[in-house]
N, C-alpha and C. Protein backbone atom coordinates (compact mmCIF):
# COMPACT_ATOMS: atom_id res chain seq x y z
N ALA A 1 0.86 -1.21 -0.01
CA ALA A 1 0.01 -0.01 0.00
C ALA A 1 0.87 1.24 0.00
N ARG A 2 0.39 2.28 -0.68
CA ARG A 2 1.18 3.51 -0.73
C ARG A 2 0.82 4.39 0.39
N PRO A 3 1.82 5.11 0.94
CA PRO A 3 1.46 6.11 1.99
C PRO A 3 0.65 7.24 1.33
N ALA A 4 -0.22 7.83 2.15
CA ALA A 4 -1.11 8.91 1.63
C ALA A 4 -0.30 10.07 1.09
N ASP A 5 0.89 10.33 1.60
CA ASP A 5 1.68 11.47 1.13
C ASP A 5 2.68 11.16 0.05
N ALA A 6 2.51 9.99 -0.58
CA ALA A 6 3.49 9.52 -1.58
C ALA A 6 3.40 10.23 -2.89
N GLY A 7 2.40 11.10 -3.07
CA GLY A 7 2.21 11.80 -4.30
C GLY A 7 1.46 11.01 -5.34
N PRO A 8 1.18 11.57 -6.49
CA PRO A 8 0.36 10.92 -7.50
C PRO A 8 1.08 9.74 -8.11
N ILE A 9 0.29 8.77 -8.49
CA ILE A 9 0.82 7.58 -9.19
C ILE A 9 1.04 7.96 -10.64
N ALA A 10 2.17 7.55 -11.18
CA ALA A 10 2.43 7.73 -12.60
C ALA A 10 1.96 6.48 -13.37
N TYR A 11 0.64 6.47 -13.67
CA TYR A 11 0.05 5.32 -14.33
C TYR A 11 0.62 5.14 -15.74
N GLN A 12 0.62 3.89 -16.18
CA GLN A 12 1.00 3.58 -17.52
C GLN A 12 -0.05 2.63 -18.13
N THR A 13 -0.25 2.84 -19.40
CA THR A 13 -1.16 1.89 -20.10
C THR A 13 -0.59 0.46 -19.95
N GLY A 14 -1.49 -0.45 -19.61
CA GLY A 14 -1.13 -1.86 -19.41
C GLY A 14 -0.99 -2.20 -17.92
N ASP A 15 -0.97 -1.18 -17.03
CA ASP A 15 -0.96 -1.48 -15.59
C ASP A 15 -2.19 -2.24 -15.25
N VAL A 16 -2.08 -3.12 -14.29
CA VAL A 16 -3.28 -3.85 -13.84
C VAL A 16 -3.64 -3.29 -12.47
N ILE A 17 -4.91 -2.97 -12.33
CA ILE A 17 -5.41 -2.34 -11.09
C ILE A 17 -6.42 -3.27 -10.39
N PHE A 18 -6.31 -3.30 -9.04
CA PHE A 18 -7.10 -4.19 -8.26
C PHE A 18 -7.80 -3.44 -7.13
N HIS A 19 -8.97 -3.91 -6.72
CA HIS A 19 -9.59 -3.40 -5.53
C HIS A 19 -10.54 -4.45 -4.93
N THR A 20 -11.10 -4.14 -3.81
CA THR A 20 -12.15 -4.96 -3.23
C THR A 20 -13.48 -4.36 -3.66
N SER A 21 -14.10 -5.05 -4.52
CA SER A 21 -15.40 -4.56 -5.06
C SER A 21 -16.50 -4.55 -3.97
N ARG A 22 -17.51 -3.73 -4.24
CA ARG A 22 -18.62 -3.71 -3.35
C ARG A 22 -19.79 -4.51 -3.98
N SER A 23 -19.50 -5.30 -4.97
CA SER A 23 -20.58 -6.11 -5.64
C SER A 23 -21.09 -7.18 -4.70
N GLY A 24 -22.20 -7.76 -5.03
CA GLY A 24 -22.82 -8.81 -4.23
C GLY A 24 -22.01 -10.09 -4.16
N GLN A 25 -21.13 -10.33 -5.07
CA GLN A 25 -20.32 -11.55 -5.05
C GLN A 25 -18.94 -11.35 -4.49
N SER A 26 -18.60 -10.14 -4.14
CA SER A 26 -17.24 -9.83 -3.71
C SER A 26 -16.83 -10.59 -2.48
N SER A 27 -17.71 -10.72 -1.48
CA SER A 27 -17.35 -11.44 -0.26
C SER A 27 -17.11 -12.92 -0.54
N ALA A 28 -17.86 -13.50 -1.46
CA ALA A 28 -17.64 -14.90 -1.80
C ALA A 28 -16.29 -15.07 -2.49
N ILE A 29 -15.97 -14.14 -3.36
CA ILE A 29 -14.65 -14.19 -4.10
C ILE A 29 -13.51 -14.04 -3.07
N ALA A 30 -13.64 -13.07 -2.15
CA ALA A 30 -12.62 -12.87 -1.14
C ALA A 30 -12.42 -14.10 -0.29
N TRP A 31 -13.51 -14.76 0.12
CA TRP A 31 -13.41 -15.89 0.97
C TRP A 31 -12.78 -17.08 0.17
N ALA A 32 -13.25 -17.29 -1.03
CA ALA A 32 -12.75 -18.40 -1.84
C ALA A 32 -11.29 -18.27 -2.17
N THR A 33 -10.85 -17.05 -2.38
CA THR A 33 -9.45 -16.83 -2.87
C THR A 33 -8.53 -16.41 -1.68
N LYS A 34 -9.10 -16.10 -0.51
CA LYS A 34 -8.35 -15.62 0.61
C LYS A 34 -7.60 -14.37 0.26
N SER A 35 -8.26 -13.46 -0.42
CA SER A 35 -7.64 -12.22 -0.88
C SER A 35 -8.70 -11.09 -0.86
N LEU A 36 -8.21 -9.89 -0.66
CA LEU A 36 -9.05 -8.70 -0.74
C LEU A 36 -9.20 -8.26 -2.18
N TYR A 37 -8.40 -8.81 -3.06
CA TYR A 37 -8.51 -8.45 -4.50
C TYR A 37 -9.68 -9.26 -5.07
N THR A 38 -10.76 -8.57 -5.31
CA THR A 38 -11.95 -9.24 -5.85
C THR A 38 -12.33 -8.70 -7.24
N HIS A 39 -11.72 -7.69 -7.71
CA HIS A 39 -11.98 -7.11 -9.01
C HIS A 39 -10.71 -6.54 -9.57
N CYS A 40 -10.52 -6.61 -10.90
CA CYS A 40 -9.34 -6.00 -11.50
C CYS A 40 -9.68 -5.49 -12.94
N GLY A 41 -8.79 -4.71 -13.44
CA GLY A 41 -8.92 -4.18 -14.80
C GLY A 41 -7.57 -3.73 -15.34
N ILE A 42 -7.58 -3.16 -16.52
CA ILE A 42 -6.30 -2.72 -17.12
C ILE A 42 -6.41 -1.22 -17.37
N VAL A 43 -5.32 -0.55 -17.02
CA VAL A 43 -5.28 0.93 -17.11
C VAL A 43 -4.92 1.38 -18.47
N ARG A 44 -5.44 2.51 -18.90
CA ARG A 44 -5.10 3.20 -20.14
C ARG A 44 -4.93 4.65 -19.83
N VAL A 45 -3.77 5.22 -20.22
CA VAL A 45 -3.51 6.64 -20.12
C VAL A 45 -3.62 7.19 -21.52
N TYR A 46 -4.51 8.14 -21.73
CA TYR A 46 -4.77 8.69 -23.07
C TYR A 46 -5.07 10.17 -22.93
N GLN A 47 -4.26 10.97 -23.59
CA GLN A 47 -4.42 12.44 -23.64
C GLN A 47 -4.61 13.04 -22.24
N GLY A 48 -3.75 12.58 -21.34
CA GLY A 48 -3.77 13.15 -20.00
C GLY A 48 -4.80 12.59 -19.07
N ARG A 49 -5.63 11.69 -19.53
CA ARG A 49 -6.68 11.05 -18.72
C ARG A 49 -6.38 9.59 -18.51
N THR A 50 -6.92 9.08 -17.41
CA THR A 50 -6.70 7.68 -17.05
C THR A 50 -7.99 6.93 -17.02
N TYR A 51 -8.01 5.77 -17.68
CA TYR A 51 -9.20 4.96 -17.82
C TYR A 51 -8.87 3.53 -17.34
N VAL A 52 -9.96 2.74 -17.15
CA VAL A 52 -9.82 1.36 -16.85
C VAL A 52 -10.73 0.57 -17.69
N ILE A 53 -10.30 -0.50 -18.33
CA ILE A 53 -11.20 -1.44 -19.03
C ILE A 53 -11.41 -2.56 -18.09
N GLU A 54 -12.68 -2.92 -17.94
CA GLU A 54 -13.07 -3.97 -17.01
C GLU A 54 -14.21 -4.79 -17.50
N ALA A 55 -14.34 -5.99 -16.93
CA ALA A 55 -15.49 -6.83 -17.18
C ALA A 55 -16.34 -6.77 -15.91
N ALA A 56 -17.29 -5.89 -15.98
CA ALA A 56 -18.31 -5.70 -14.84
C ALA A 56 -19.58 -5.28 -15.49
N GLY A 57 -20.50 -6.20 -15.65
CA GLY A 57 -21.58 -5.96 -16.59
C GLY A 57 -20.90 -6.27 -17.93
N PRO A 58 -21.26 -5.56 -19.00
CA PRO A 58 -20.53 -5.82 -20.19
C PRO A 58 -19.10 -5.24 -20.06
N VAL A 59 -18.15 -5.79 -20.84
CA VAL A 59 -16.80 -5.25 -20.84
C VAL A 59 -16.93 -3.76 -21.26
N ARG A 60 -16.31 -2.91 -20.52
CA ARG A 60 -16.46 -1.46 -20.78
C ARG A 60 -15.23 -0.67 -20.31
N VAL A 61 -15.14 0.54 -20.78
CA VAL A 61 -14.07 1.45 -20.34
C VAL A 61 -14.73 2.54 -19.45
N VAL A 62 -14.11 2.76 -18.28
CA VAL A 62 -14.62 3.71 -17.39
C VAL A 62 -13.47 4.64 -16.93
N PRO A 63 -13.78 5.89 -16.56
CA PRO A 63 -12.69 6.73 -15.96
C PRO A 63 -12.17 6.08 -14.67
N LEU A 64 -10.86 6.24 -14.46
CA LEU A 64 -10.23 5.67 -13.25
C LEU A 64 -10.98 6.12 -11.99
N SER A 65 -11.37 7.40 -11.91
CA SER A 65 -11.98 7.90 -10.73
C SER A 65 -13.27 7.18 -10.44
N ALA A 66 -14.08 6.82 -11.41
CA ALA A 66 -15.29 6.07 -11.26
C ALA A 66 -14.99 4.66 -10.81
N TRP A 67 -13.98 4.06 -11.36
CA TRP A 67 -13.57 2.71 -11.01
C TRP A 67 -13.19 2.64 -9.54
N VAL A 68 -12.35 3.57 -9.13
CA VAL A 68 -11.88 3.62 -7.75
C VAL A 68 -13.04 3.82 -6.77
N LYS A 69 -14.01 4.63 -7.09
CA LYS A 69 -15.15 4.90 -6.22
C LYS A 69 -15.98 3.64 -5.98
N ARG A 70 -16.00 2.71 -6.90
CA ARG A 70 -16.80 1.47 -6.76
C ARG A 70 -16.12 0.50 -5.84
N GLY A 71 -14.89 0.72 -5.46
CA GLY A 71 -14.22 -0.19 -4.56
C GLY A 71 -14.42 0.26 -3.10
N ARG A 72 -14.16 -0.67 -2.22
CA ARG A 72 -14.32 -0.34 -0.80
C ARG A 72 -13.27 0.69 -0.37
N ARG A 73 -13.80 1.70 0.30
CA ARG A 73 -13.00 2.79 0.86
C ARG A 73 -12.09 3.46 -0.11
N GLY A 74 -12.33 3.35 -1.40
CA GLY A 74 -11.53 4.02 -2.43
C GLY A 74 -10.08 3.46 -2.47
N ARG A 75 -9.82 2.34 -1.91
CA ARG A 75 -8.47 1.81 -1.86
C ARG A 75 -8.27 0.86 -3.07
N PHE A 76 -7.05 0.85 -3.61
CA PHE A 76 -6.73 0.04 -4.77
C PHE A 76 -5.27 -0.20 -4.81
N THR A 77 -4.84 -1.15 -5.63
CA THR A 77 -3.46 -1.49 -5.88
C THR A 77 -3.21 -1.50 -7.36
N VAL A 78 -2.06 -1.00 -7.74
CA VAL A 78 -1.68 -1.01 -9.19
C VAL A 78 -0.38 -1.82 -9.26
N LYS A 79 -0.39 -2.75 -10.25
CA LYS A 79 0.80 -3.56 -10.48
C LYS A 79 1.23 -3.41 -11.96
N ARG A 80 2.49 -3.50 -12.16
CA ARG A 80 3.07 -3.25 -13.54
C ARG A 80 4.01 -4.36 -13.91
N TRP A 81 3.84 -4.87 -15.12
CA TRP A 81 4.79 -5.81 -15.67
C TRP A 81 6.06 -4.95 -16.03
N PRO A 82 7.21 -5.24 -15.44
CA PRO A 82 8.36 -4.38 -15.62
C PRO A 82 8.85 -4.51 -17.07
N GLY A 83 9.26 -3.38 -17.64
CA GLY A 83 9.94 -3.33 -18.88
C GLY A 83 9.03 -3.38 -20.07
N LEU A 84 7.75 -3.23 -19.91
CA LEU A 84 6.85 -3.27 -21.03
C LEU A 84 7.20 -2.08 -21.94
N SER A 85 7.30 -2.31 -23.23
CA SER A 85 7.53 -1.21 -24.17
C SER A 85 6.20 -0.53 -24.42
N THR A 86 6.25 0.67 -24.98
CA THR A 86 5.00 1.37 -25.36
C THR A 86 4.23 0.56 -26.32
N VAL A 87 4.90 -0.11 -27.23
CA VAL A 87 4.22 -0.95 -28.24
C VAL A 87 3.50 -2.05 -27.56
N GLN A 88 4.13 -2.75 -26.59
CA GLN A 88 3.43 -3.80 -25.80
C GLN A 88 2.25 -3.28 -25.00
N GLN A 89 2.44 -2.13 -24.37
CA GLN A 89 1.39 -1.56 -23.58
C GLN A 89 0.15 -1.31 -24.45
N ASN A 90 0.37 -0.73 -25.61
CA ASN A 90 -0.75 -0.42 -26.52
C ASN A 90 -1.36 -1.68 -27.10
N ARG A 91 -0.57 -2.72 -27.34
CA ARG A 91 -1.10 -3.97 -27.80
C ARG A 91 -1.98 -4.64 -26.79
N ILE A 92 -1.57 -4.56 -25.52
CA ILE A 92 -2.38 -5.12 -24.42
C ILE A 92 -3.75 -4.40 -24.40
N TRP A 93 -3.68 -3.08 -24.47
CA TRP A 93 -4.94 -2.31 -24.45
C TRP A 93 -5.84 -2.66 -25.64
N ARG A 94 -5.22 -2.71 -26.83
CA ARG A 94 -6.03 -3.08 -28.00
C ARG A 94 -6.61 -4.48 -27.93
N ALA A 95 -5.85 -5.40 -27.37
CA ALA A 95 -6.33 -6.76 -27.19
C ALA A 95 -7.53 -6.76 -26.23
N ALA A 96 -7.45 -6.00 -25.14
CA ALA A 96 -8.55 -5.94 -24.17
C ALA A 96 -9.81 -5.29 -24.86
N LYS A 97 -9.58 -4.30 -25.67
CA LYS A 97 -10.69 -3.58 -26.34
C LYS A 97 -11.47 -4.49 -27.27
N THR A 98 -10.83 -5.58 -27.78
CA THR A 98 -11.59 -6.46 -28.67
C THR A 98 -12.75 -7.13 -27.93
N TYR A 99 -12.77 -7.07 -26.63
CA TYR A 99 -13.82 -7.68 -25.84
C TYR A 99 -14.89 -6.67 -25.40
N LEU A 100 -14.75 -5.42 -25.82
CA LEU A 100 -15.78 -4.43 -25.44
C LEU A 100 -17.17 -4.89 -25.75
N GLY A 101 -18.08 -4.74 -24.81
CA GLY A 101 -19.47 -5.11 -24.99
C GLY A 101 -19.77 -6.56 -24.67
N ARG A 102 -18.71 -7.37 -24.52
CA ARG A 102 -18.93 -8.77 -24.19
C ARG A 102 -19.66 -8.84 -22.87
N PRO A 103 -20.63 -9.71 -22.70
CA PRO A 103 -21.37 -9.76 -21.44
C PRO A 103 -20.58 -10.28 -20.29
N ASP A 104 -21.03 -9.92 -19.08
CA ASP A 104 -20.39 -10.36 -17.83
C ASP A 104 -20.62 -11.86 -17.68
N ASP A 105 -19.59 -12.56 -17.20
CA ASP A 105 -19.66 -13.99 -16.99
C ASP A 105 -19.83 -14.29 -15.51
N SER A 106 -21.03 -14.30 -15.03
CA SER A 106 -21.30 -14.50 -13.66
C SER A 106 -21.06 -15.96 -13.20
N LEU A 107 -20.84 -16.83 -14.15
CA LEU A 107 -20.60 -18.26 -13.90
C LEU A 107 -19.12 -18.55 -13.90
N PHE A 108 -18.30 -17.60 -14.23
CA PHE A 108 -16.84 -17.75 -14.27
C PHE A 108 -16.39 -18.91 -15.17
N LEU A 109 -17.05 -19.05 -16.32
CA LEU A 109 -16.69 -20.05 -17.27
C LEU A 109 -15.51 -19.55 -18.08
N PHE A 110 -14.49 -20.34 -18.20
CA PHE A 110 -13.28 -19.91 -18.90
C PHE A 110 -13.43 -20.19 -20.41
N GLY A 111 -13.17 -19.20 -21.22
CA GLY A 111 -13.10 -19.33 -22.65
C GLY A 111 -14.45 -19.40 -23.36
N ASN A 112 -15.51 -18.84 -22.77
CA ASN A 112 -16.81 -18.80 -23.47
C ASN A 112 -17.00 -17.43 -24.02
N ARG A 113 -18.24 -17.07 -24.36
CA ARG A 113 -18.50 -15.81 -25.05
C ARG A 113 -18.82 -14.64 -24.07
N ALA A 114 -18.55 -14.91 -22.80
CA ALA A 114 -18.70 -13.85 -21.77
C ALA A 114 -17.36 -13.75 -21.03
N SER A 115 -17.18 -12.66 -20.31
CA SER A 115 -15.90 -12.47 -19.62
C SER A 115 -16.09 -12.02 -18.14
N TYR A 116 -15.20 -12.40 -17.30
CA TYR A 116 -15.16 -11.93 -15.96
C TYR A 116 -13.82 -11.16 -15.83
N CYS A 117 -13.66 -10.36 -14.80
CA CYS A 117 -12.56 -9.39 -14.73
C CYS A 117 -11.17 -9.97 -14.96
N SER A 118 -10.81 -10.95 -14.20
CA SER A 118 -9.42 -11.50 -14.29
C SER A 118 -9.22 -12.28 -15.55
N GLU A 119 -10.27 -12.82 -16.12
CA GLU A 119 -10.15 -13.47 -17.41
C GLU A 119 -9.82 -12.45 -18.48
N LEU A 120 -10.45 -11.29 -18.45
CA LEU A 120 -10.19 -10.23 -19.42
C LEU A 120 -8.68 -9.80 -19.35
N VAL A 121 -8.17 -9.62 -18.16
CA VAL A 121 -6.74 -9.24 -18.02
C VAL A 121 -5.88 -10.34 -18.54
N TRP A 122 -6.18 -11.56 -18.14
CA TRP A 122 -5.35 -12.73 -18.60
C TRP A 122 -5.33 -12.82 -20.13
N LEU A 123 -6.54 -12.70 -20.73
CA LEU A 123 -6.63 -12.78 -22.20
C LEU A 123 -5.87 -11.66 -22.90
N ALA A 124 -5.95 -10.45 -22.35
CA ALA A 124 -5.29 -9.33 -23.03
C ALA A 124 -3.74 -9.49 -22.97
N TYR A 125 -3.23 -9.94 -21.85
CA TYR A 125 -1.77 -10.15 -21.75
C TYR A 125 -1.35 -11.36 -22.62
N ARG A 126 -2.16 -12.38 -22.60
CA ARG A 126 -1.81 -13.57 -23.42
C ARG A 126 -1.82 -13.26 -24.87
N ALA A 127 -2.67 -12.34 -25.30
CA ALA A 127 -2.72 -11.96 -26.70
C ALA A 127 -1.39 -11.36 -27.20
N VAL A 128 -0.62 -10.83 -26.31
CA VAL A 128 0.66 -10.29 -26.72
C VAL A 128 1.84 -11.20 -26.28
N GLY A 129 1.53 -12.42 -25.95
CA GLY A 129 2.53 -13.42 -25.65
C GLY A 129 3.06 -13.38 -24.21
N LEU A 130 2.31 -12.77 -23.31
CA LEU A 130 2.75 -12.68 -21.88
C LEU A 130 1.78 -13.48 -21.03
N GLU A 131 2.33 -14.42 -20.26
CA GLU A 131 1.54 -15.25 -19.33
C GLU A 131 1.44 -14.52 -18.04
N LEU A 132 0.32 -14.06 -17.60
CA LEU A 132 0.12 -13.35 -16.35
C LEU A 132 -0.95 -14.03 -15.55
N GLY A 133 -0.60 -14.47 -14.36
CA GLY A 133 -1.53 -15.23 -13.52
C GLY A 133 -1.50 -16.68 -13.94
N SER A 134 -2.31 -17.50 -13.27
CA SER A 134 -2.36 -18.93 -13.62
C SER A 134 -3.76 -19.41 -13.60
N VAL A 135 -4.00 -20.35 -14.49
CA VAL A 135 -5.25 -21.00 -14.60
C VAL A 135 -5.29 -22.12 -13.56
N GLU A 136 -6.38 -22.17 -12.77
CA GLU A 136 -6.42 -23.20 -11.74
C GLU A 136 -7.83 -23.76 -11.67
N ARG A 137 -7.95 -24.94 -11.08
CA ARG A 137 -9.26 -25.52 -10.86
C ARG A 137 -9.98 -24.81 -9.74
N ALA A 138 -11.32 -24.68 -9.87
CA ALA A 138 -12.10 -24.04 -8.87
C ALA A 138 -12.00 -24.78 -7.52
N ASP A 139 -11.85 -26.10 -7.53
CA ASP A 139 -11.75 -26.82 -6.26
C ASP A 139 -10.45 -26.59 -5.55
N ALA A 140 -9.46 -25.89 -6.16
CA ALA A 140 -8.21 -25.49 -5.48
C ALA A 140 -8.53 -24.26 -4.54
N LEU A 141 -9.67 -23.65 -4.77
CA LEU A 141 -10.07 -22.52 -3.89
C LEU A 141 -10.95 -23.00 -2.76
N ASP A 142 -11.22 -22.14 -1.87
CA ASP A 142 -12.07 -22.48 -0.68
C ASP A 142 -13.55 -22.24 -1.12
N ILE A 143 -14.11 -23.17 -1.86
CA ILE A 143 -15.43 -22.93 -2.37
C ILE A 143 -16.51 -23.65 -1.51
N ASN A 144 -16.08 -24.22 -0.42
CA ASN A 144 -17.01 -24.90 0.49
C ASN A 144 -17.32 -24.06 1.69
N ASN A 145 -18.04 -22.93 1.49
CA ASN A 145 -18.38 -22.06 2.60
C ASN A 145 -19.74 -21.40 2.30
N VAL A 146 -20.26 -20.82 3.35
CA VAL A 146 -21.62 -20.26 3.22
C VAL A 146 -21.71 -19.10 2.22
N LEU A 147 -20.66 -18.33 2.02
CA LEU A 147 -20.72 -17.20 1.10
C LEU A 147 -20.77 -17.70 -0.33
N VAL A 148 -19.94 -18.67 -0.64
CA VAL A 148 -19.93 -19.24 -2.00
C VAL A 148 -21.22 -20.03 -2.20
N ASP A 149 -21.68 -20.71 -1.19
CA ASP A 149 -22.94 -21.46 -1.30
C ASP A 149 -24.09 -20.51 -1.72
N ALA A 150 -24.15 -19.34 -1.10
CA ALA A 150 -25.25 -18.39 -1.46
C ALA A 150 -25.21 -18.01 -2.93
N VAL A 151 -23.99 -17.70 -3.42
CA VAL A 151 -23.89 -17.34 -4.86
C VAL A 151 -24.20 -18.55 -5.73
N LEU A 152 -23.67 -19.69 -5.33
CA LEU A 152 -23.93 -20.93 -6.11
C LEU A 152 -25.39 -21.25 -6.15
N GLU A 153 -26.10 -21.12 -5.07
CA GLU A 153 -27.52 -21.42 -5.04
C GLU A 153 -28.32 -20.57 -6.03
N ARG A 154 -27.88 -19.33 -6.17
CA ARG A 154 -28.58 -18.38 -7.11
C ARG A 154 -28.25 -18.67 -8.56
N ARG A 155 -27.07 -19.25 -8.83
CA ARG A 155 -26.60 -19.35 -10.20
C ARG A 155 -26.52 -20.72 -10.80
N TYR A 156 -26.46 -21.76 -10.02
CA TYR A 156 -26.10 -23.05 -10.59
C TYR A 156 -27.04 -23.59 -11.67
N ARG A 157 -28.29 -23.17 -11.65
CA ARG A 157 -29.24 -23.67 -12.66
C ARG A 157 -28.87 -23.14 -14.07
N ARG A 158 -28.17 -22.02 -14.13
CA ARG A 158 -27.77 -21.49 -15.41
C ARG A 158 -26.50 -22.09 -15.94
N HIS A 159 -25.74 -22.85 -15.07
CA HIS A 159 -24.45 -23.36 -15.47
C HIS A 159 -24.65 -24.51 -16.45
N PRO A 160 -23.96 -24.50 -17.61
CA PRO A 160 -24.19 -25.55 -18.61
C PRO A 160 -23.97 -26.96 -18.07
N SER A 161 -22.98 -27.13 -17.20
CA SER A 161 -22.73 -28.45 -16.67
C SER A 161 -23.69 -28.90 -15.61
N CYS A 162 -24.52 -27.98 -15.13
CA CYS A 162 -25.41 -28.32 -14.02
C CYS A 162 -26.89 -28.17 -14.31
N LYS A 163 -27.23 -28.03 -15.56
CA LYS A 163 -28.65 -27.85 -15.91
C LYS A 163 -29.52 -29.00 -15.43
N SER A 164 -29.01 -30.20 -15.38
CA SER A 164 -29.79 -31.32 -14.89
C SER A 164 -29.66 -31.60 -13.43
N ALA A 165 -28.80 -30.83 -12.76
CA ALA A 165 -28.56 -31.02 -11.33
C ALA A 165 -29.85 -30.56 -10.55
N LYS A 166 -30.18 -31.30 -9.52
CA LYS A 166 -31.37 -30.98 -8.72
C LYS A 166 -31.05 -30.02 -7.61
N SER A 167 -29.80 -29.85 -7.32
CA SER A 167 -29.45 -28.92 -6.22
C SER A 167 -28.05 -28.33 -6.48
N ALA A 168 -27.74 -27.31 -5.71
CA ALA A 168 -26.42 -26.70 -5.81
C ALA A 168 -25.33 -27.70 -5.39
N ASP A 169 -25.67 -28.52 -4.38
CA ASP A 169 -24.72 -29.56 -3.90
C ASP A 169 -24.34 -30.54 -4.99
N ALA A 170 -25.41 -30.93 -5.77
CA ALA A 170 -25.19 -31.87 -6.88
C ALA A 170 -24.30 -31.25 -7.98
N CYS A 171 -24.35 -29.94 -8.05
CA CYS A 171 -23.62 -29.25 -9.08
C CYS A 171 -22.17 -28.97 -8.65
N ARG A 172 -21.88 -28.91 -7.36
CA ARG A 172 -20.60 -28.49 -6.81
C ARG A 172 -19.44 -29.27 -7.34
N GLU A 173 -19.55 -30.59 -7.45
CA GLU A 173 -18.41 -31.39 -7.92
C GLU A 173 -18.08 -31.00 -9.35
N LYS A 174 -19.08 -30.83 -10.20
CA LYS A 174 -18.83 -30.42 -11.57
C LYS A 174 -18.17 -29.06 -11.64
N LEU A 175 -18.61 -28.18 -10.76
CA LEU A 175 -18.02 -26.87 -10.73
C LEU A 175 -16.63 -26.83 -10.25
N GLY A 176 -16.26 -27.77 -9.36
CA GLY A 176 -14.92 -27.85 -8.82
C GLY A 176 -13.89 -28.19 -9.90
N ALA A 177 -14.33 -28.89 -10.94
CA ALA A 177 -13.37 -29.24 -12.07
C ALA A 177 -13.22 -28.10 -13.05
N GLN A 178 -14.07 -27.07 -12.91
CA GLN A 178 -14.01 -25.93 -13.85
C GLN A 178 -12.68 -25.19 -13.59
N THR A 179 -12.08 -24.68 -14.69
CA THR A 179 -10.84 -23.86 -14.54
C THR A 179 -11.17 -22.44 -14.62
N LEU A 180 -10.37 -21.62 -13.97
CA LEU A 180 -10.56 -20.17 -13.94
C LEU A 180 -9.25 -19.48 -13.57
N VAL A 181 -9.22 -18.18 -13.70
CA VAL A 181 -8.07 -17.37 -13.28
C VAL A 181 -8.64 -16.34 -12.31
N THR A 182 -8.00 -16.13 -11.23
CA THR A 182 -8.51 -15.18 -10.17
C THR A 182 -7.72 -13.90 -10.14
N PRO A 183 -8.30 -12.88 -9.64
CA PRO A 183 -7.52 -11.61 -9.46
C PRO A 183 -6.27 -11.87 -8.64
N LEU A 184 -6.40 -12.72 -7.61
CA LEU A 184 -5.23 -13.02 -6.77
C LEU A 184 -4.08 -13.64 -7.57
N SER A 185 -4.38 -14.62 -8.45
CA SER A 185 -3.32 -15.25 -9.22
C SER A 185 -2.56 -14.25 -10.09
N ILE A 186 -3.32 -13.24 -10.60
CA ILE A 186 -2.67 -12.22 -11.37
C ILE A 186 -1.86 -11.31 -10.49
N ALA A 187 -2.39 -10.88 -9.37
CA ALA A 187 -1.69 -9.99 -8.43
C ALA A 187 -0.41 -10.67 -7.87
N ASP A 188 -0.50 -11.96 -7.66
CA ASP A 188 0.66 -12.65 -7.05
C ASP A 188 1.67 -13.16 -8.10
N ASP A 189 1.41 -12.90 -9.39
CA ASP A 189 2.32 -13.36 -10.42
C ASP A 189 3.69 -12.70 -10.19
N ALA A 190 4.74 -13.48 -10.42
CA ALA A 190 6.14 -12.98 -10.19
C ALA A 190 6.46 -11.84 -11.09
N HIS A 191 5.78 -11.67 -12.20
CA HIS A 191 6.06 -10.57 -13.12
C HIS A 191 5.51 -9.30 -12.57
């Protein structure tokens, strides 16, 4: 965390920004991943203004100030892949922009026609040949808790693997085999 008197951040296009979202699923994500990073996006600096592309609702671009306000207490973390050239930074941004308008993926399905926040970041970096974060199985997370259960109960009937399941519990095993990338795996990446 930066001290309050550290001065302004010199953002760069391609920076990855994280916060604790105030969304309804944020507590479940925090519990499952054991991290306060429950939402992330990619920064763009353009003509003196700073923006974030994110997958929250449809993939969209928002001013940084609006993005920060949606996080808890206005706190956030910015991480940067060291040594990115301007060309790479712009390619990451352009890769992320190809997903503009794509719907939100509330089921966290990897590689479908919808996107969730960390998947968008992972895809944009991967498009320029950089592996950021790691893909892991959902059952590697702490998904056996009351917060995740509440989200699962509301959503499992829409999950393609669970349409025939009679309960969220019957769906859980199938969901555990699902792969995903989390904000934490991106934030903790050695790069």
